[in-house]
């Protein structure tokens, strides 16, 4: 599960098995429709899970957070590397 910050300062949440490739796809305009017109994007947060289902469940819950709650989550001292 990951969060990227878009050029317009909006946040996009998704999940993937290949984080670096997915962020590159977003920046190439081949990611989500939402990020296509908001490039470039920057990876600002991620969490790793053992299964696709766990990642999708976490994505579902994070997408329902307010922007303020997402910013608080992002601001935790977590090293972001793709």
N, C-alpha and C. Protein backbone atom coordinates (compact mmCIF):
# COMPACT_ATOMS: atom_id res chain seq x y z
N UNK A 1 0.86 -1.15 0.00
CA UNK A 1 0.00 0.00 0.00
C UNK A 1 0.91 1.22 0.00
N UNK A 2 0.56 2.21 -0.79
CA UNK A 2 1.42 3.39 -0.90
C UNK A 2 0.60 4.66 -1.05
N UNK A 3 1.24 5.77 -0.77
CA UNK A 3 0.65 7.10 -1.00
C UNK A 3 1.66 7.91 -1.80
N UNK A 4 1.18 8.55 -2.85
CA UNK A 4 2.02 9.47 -3.61
C UNK A 4 1.42 10.87 -3.50
N UNK A 5 2.29 11.86 -3.53
CA UNK A 5 1.86 13.25 -3.56
C UNK A 5 1.94 13.70 -5.02
N UNK A 6 0.85 14.24 -5.51
CA UNK A 6 0.78 14.70 -6.89
C UNK A 6 1.26 16.14 -7.01
N UNK A 7 1.49 16.56 -8.25
CA UNK A 7 1.97 17.92 -8.53
C UNK A 7 1.06 18.98 -7.91
N UNK A 8 -0.24 18.72 -7.88
CA UNK A 8 -1.19 19.69 -7.31
C UNK A 8 -1.33 19.56 -5.80
N UNK A 9 -0.43 18.81 -5.17
CA UNK A 9 -0.38 18.58 -3.73
C UNK A 9 -1.49 17.67 -3.22
N UNK A 10 -2.23 17.04 -4.12
CA UNK A 10 -3.22 16.06 -3.69
C UNK A 10 -2.50 14.74 -3.40
N UNK A 11 -3.19 13.85 -2.72
CA UNK A 11 -2.62 12.56 -2.34
C UNK A 11 -3.39 11.45 -3.03
N UNK A 12 -2.66 10.46 -3.53
CA UNK A 12 -3.28 9.30 -4.16
C UNK A 12 -2.80 8.06 -3.42
N UNK A 13 -3.74 7.18 -3.09
CA UNK A 13 -3.43 5.94 -2.37
C UNK A 13 -3.71 4.75 -3.27
N UNK A 14 -2.78 3.80 -3.28
CA UNK A 14 -2.96 2.59 -4.08
C UNK A 14 -2.23 1.42 -3.47
N UNK A 15 -2.23 0.31 -4.17
CA UNK A 15 -1.48 -0.86 -3.73
C UNK A 15 -0.81 -1.48 -4.95
N UNK A 16 0.27 -2.18 -4.72
CA UNK A 16 1.01 -2.82 -5.80
C UNK A 16 1.94 -3.88 -5.25
N UNK A 17 2.38 -4.77 -6.12
CA UNK A 17 3.40 -5.75 -5.77
C UNK A 17 4.79 -5.25 -6.13
N UNK A 18 4.86 -4.20 -6.95
CA UNK A 18 6.13 -3.69 -7.46
C UNK A 18 6.13 -2.16 -7.34
N UNK A 19 6.54 -1.68 -6.19
CA UNK A 19 6.41 -0.26 -5.85
C UNK A 19 7.15 0.66 -6.81
N UNK A 20 8.42 0.43 -7.04
CA UNK A 20 9.20 1.33 -7.90
C UNK A 20 8.60 1.38 -9.31
N UNK A 21 8.21 0.23 -9.83
CA UNK A 21 7.63 0.19 -11.17
C UNK A 21 6.29 0.92 -11.21
N UNK A 22 5.52 0.80 -10.14
CA UNK A 22 4.20 1.45 -10.11
C UNK A 22 4.35 2.96 -10.06
N UNK A 23 5.27 3.47 -9.25
CA UNK A 23 5.50 4.91 -9.20
C UNK A 23 5.98 5.41 -10.55
N UNK A 24 6.87 4.65 -11.19
CA UNK A 24 7.35 5.02 -12.52
C UNK A 24 6.19 5.04 -13.52
N UNK A 25 5.28 4.09 -13.41
CA UNK A 25 4.12 4.05 -14.30
C UNK A 25 3.24 5.29 -14.08
N UNK A 26 3.04 5.67 -12.84
CA UNK A 26 2.27 6.90 -12.57
C UNK A 26 2.93 8.08 -13.26
N UNK A 27 4.24 8.19 -13.13
CA UNK A 27 4.96 9.33 -13.71
C UNK A 27 5.04 9.27 -15.23
N UNK A 28 4.84 8.09 -15.81
CA UNK A 28 4.82 7.95 -17.25
C UNK A 28 3.41 8.15 -17.82
N UNK A 29 2.45 8.41 -16.94
CA UNK A 29 1.08 8.60 -17.38
C UNK A 29 0.34 7.29 -17.62
N UNK A 30 0.92 6.19 -17.15
CA UNK A 30 0.31 4.87 -17.34
C UNK A 30 -0.21 4.29 -16.04
N UNK A 31 -0.23 5.07 -14.99
CA UNK A 31 -0.74 4.60 -13.71
C UNK A 31 -2.25 4.77 -13.67
N UNK A 32 -2.74 5.39 -12.66
CA UNK A 32 -4.18 5.63 -12.51
C UNK A 32 -4.61 6.86 -13.30
N UNK A 33 -5.86 6.88 -13.70
CA UNK A 33 -6.41 8.03 -14.41
C UNK A 33 -6.25 9.30 -13.57
N UNK A 34 -6.42 9.17 -12.26
CA UNK A 34 -6.32 10.33 -11.36
C UNK A 34 -4.95 10.98 -11.44
N UNK A 35 -3.90 10.19 -11.46
CA UNK A 35 -2.55 10.76 -11.43
C UNK A 35 -2.06 11.18 -12.80
N UNK A 36 -2.69 10.72 -13.84
CA UNK A 36 -2.24 11.00 -15.21
C UNK A 36 -2.10 12.49 -15.48
N UNK A 37 -3.06 13.28 -15.02
CA UNK A 37 -3.02 14.73 -15.25
C UNK A 37 -2.39 15.50 -14.10
N UNK A 38 -1.85 14.77 -13.13
CA UNK A 38 -1.28 15.42 -11.94
C UNK A 38 0.20 15.06 -11.76
N UNK A 39 0.86 14.72 -12.84
CA UNK A 39 2.28 14.34 -12.80
C UNK A 39 3.17 15.55 -12.67
N UNK A 40 4.34 15.38 -12.11
CA UNK A 40 4.89 14.14 -11.58
C UNK A 40 4.33 13.85 -10.18
N UNK A 41 4.45 12.60 -9.79
CA UNK A 41 4.07 12.20 -8.44
C UNK A 41 5.33 11.81 -7.68
N UNK A 42 5.24 11.90 -6.35
CA UNK A 42 6.37 11.56 -5.49
C UNK A 42 5.89 10.58 -4.43
N UNK A 43 6.59 9.49 -4.27
CA UNK A 43 6.26 8.53 -3.23
C UNK A 43 6.54 9.17 -1.87
N UNK A 44 5.51 9.21 -1.02
CA UNK A 44 5.69 9.83 0.30
C UNK A 44 5.46 8.86 1.45
N UNK A 45 4.89 7.68 1.16
CA UNK A 45 4.60 6.74 2.23
C UNK A 45 4.31 5.38 1.63
N UNK A 46 4.71 4.33 2.35
CA UNK A 46 4.30 2.98 1.95
C UNK A 46 4.32 2.05 3.15
N UNK A 47 3.57 0.98 3.03
CA UNK A 47 3.55 -0.10 4.01
C UNK A 47 3.60 -1.42 3.23
N UNK A 48 4.31 -2.39 3.75
CA UNK A 48 4.40 -3.70 3.11
C UNK A 48 3.53 -4.71 3.85
N UNK A 49 2.95 -5.63 3.09
CA UNK A 49 2.07 -6.65 3.65
C UNK A 49 2.43 -8.00 3.07
N UNK A 50 2.03 -9.05 3.74
CA UNK A 50 2.33 -10.40 3.29
C UNK A 50 1.45 -10.88 2.16
N UNK A 51 0.23 -10.32 2.07
CA UNK A 51 -0.70 -10.78 1.03
C UNK A 51 -1.36 -9.59 0.33
N UNK A 52 -1.83 -9.86 -0.86
CA UNK A 52 -2.56 -8.86 -1.65
C UNK A 52 -3.82 -8.40 -0.89
N UNK A 53 -4.48 -9.34 -0.26
CA UNK A 53 -5.71 -9.02 0.46
C UNK A 53 -5.46 -8.05 1.62
N UNK A 54 -4.35 -8.26 2.34
CA UNK A 54 -4.00 -7.35 3.43
C UNK A 54 -3.72 -5.95 2.90
N UNK A 55 -2.99 -5.87 1.81
CA UNK A 55 -2.66 -4.58 1.21
C UNK A 55 -3.92 -3.86 0.72
N UNK A 56 -4.80 -4.61 0.09
CA UNK A 56 -6.04 -4.01 -0.42
C UNK A 56 -6.94 -3.55 0.73
N UNK A 57 -6.97 -4.30 1.80
CA UNK A 57 -7.76 -3.91 2.96
C UNK A 57 -7.22 -2.62 3.57
N UNK A 58 -5.90 -2.54 3.70
CA UNK A 58 -5.29 -1.32 4.25
C UNK A 58 -5.53 -0.14 3.33
N UNK A 59 -5.41 -0.35 2.02
CA UNK A 59 -5.68 0.73 1.06
C UNK A 59 -7.11 1.23 1.24
N UNK A 60 -8.05 0.33 1.37
CA UNK A 60 -9.46 0.68 1.56
C UNK A 60 -9.63 1.59 2.77
N UNK A 61 -8.97 1.25 3.88
CA UNK A 61 -9.10 2.04 5.10
C UNK A 61 -8.38 3.39 4.98
N UNK A 62 -7.21 3.41 4.38
CA UNK A 62 -6.47 4.67 4.24
C UNK A 62 -7.20 5.62 3.30
N UNK A 63 -7.82 5.10 2.25
CA UNK A 63 -8.56 5.97 1.32
C UNK A 63 -9.71 6.69 2.02
N UNK A 64 -10.19 6.14 3.11
CA UNK A 64 -11.30 6.77 3.83
C UNK A 64 -10.85 7.75 4.91
N UNK A 65 -9.56 7.88 5.09
CA UNK A 65 -9.04 8.88 6.03
C UNK A 65 -9.21 10.28 5.45
N UNK A 66 -9.30 11.25 6.32
CA UNK A 66 -9.32 12.63 5.86
C UNK A 66 -7.92 13.01 5.39
N UNK A 67 -7.81 14.11 4.67
CA UNK A 67 -6.49 14.58 4.23
C UNK A 67 -5.59 14.82 5.44
N UNK A 68 -6.14 15.42 6.48
CA UNK A 68 -5.35 15.70 7.69
C UNK A 68 -4.83 14.40 8.31
N UNK A 69 -5.67 13.37 8.34
CA UNK A 69 -5.24 12.08 8.89
C UNK A 69 -4.16 11.44 8.02
N UNK A 70 -4.29 11.57 6.71
CA UNK A 70 -3.26 11.03 5.81
C UNK A 70 -1.95 11.78 6.00
N UNK A 71 -2.01 13.09 6.15
CA UNK A 71 -0.79 13.87 6.35
C UNK A 71 -0.11 13.49 7.66
N UNK A 72 -0.91 13.21 8.68
CA UNK A 72 -0.35 12.76 9.96
C UNK A 72 0.34 11.41 9.79
N UNK A 73 -0.28 10.51 9.04
CA UNK A 73 0.31 9.21 8.77
C UNK A 73 1.63 9.37 8.02
N UNK A 74 1.65 10.22 7.02
CA UNK A 74 2.85 10.46 6.21
C UNK A 74 3.96 11.08 7.04
N UNK A 75 3.61 11.93 7.98
CA UNK A 75 4.61 12.67 8.74
C UNK A 75 5.37 11.83 9.76
N UNK A 76 4.90 10.59 9.99
CA UNK A 76 5.63 9.71 10.90
C UNK A 76 7.04 9.51 10.34
N UNK A 77 7.96 9.25 11.20
CA UNK A 77 9.37 9.12 10.80
C UNK A 77 9.59 7.77 10.11
N UNK A 78 9.19 7.71 8.85
CA UNK A 78 9.34 6.49 8.07
C UNK A 78 10.20 6.78 6.84
N UNK A 79 11.22 5.98 6.64
CA UNK A 79 12.10 6.15 5.51
C UNK A 79 11.39 5.64 4.26
N UNK A 80 11.29 6.48 3.24
CA UNK A 80 10.60 6.11 2.01
C UNK A 80 11.63 5.80 0.94
N UNK A 81 11.63 4.56 0.50
CA UNK A 81 12.49 4.13 -0.61
C UNK A 81 11.66 3.26 -1.52
N UNK A 82 11.75 3.49 -2.79
CA UNK A 82 10.99 2.66 -3.74
C UNK A 82 11.77 1.41 -4.07
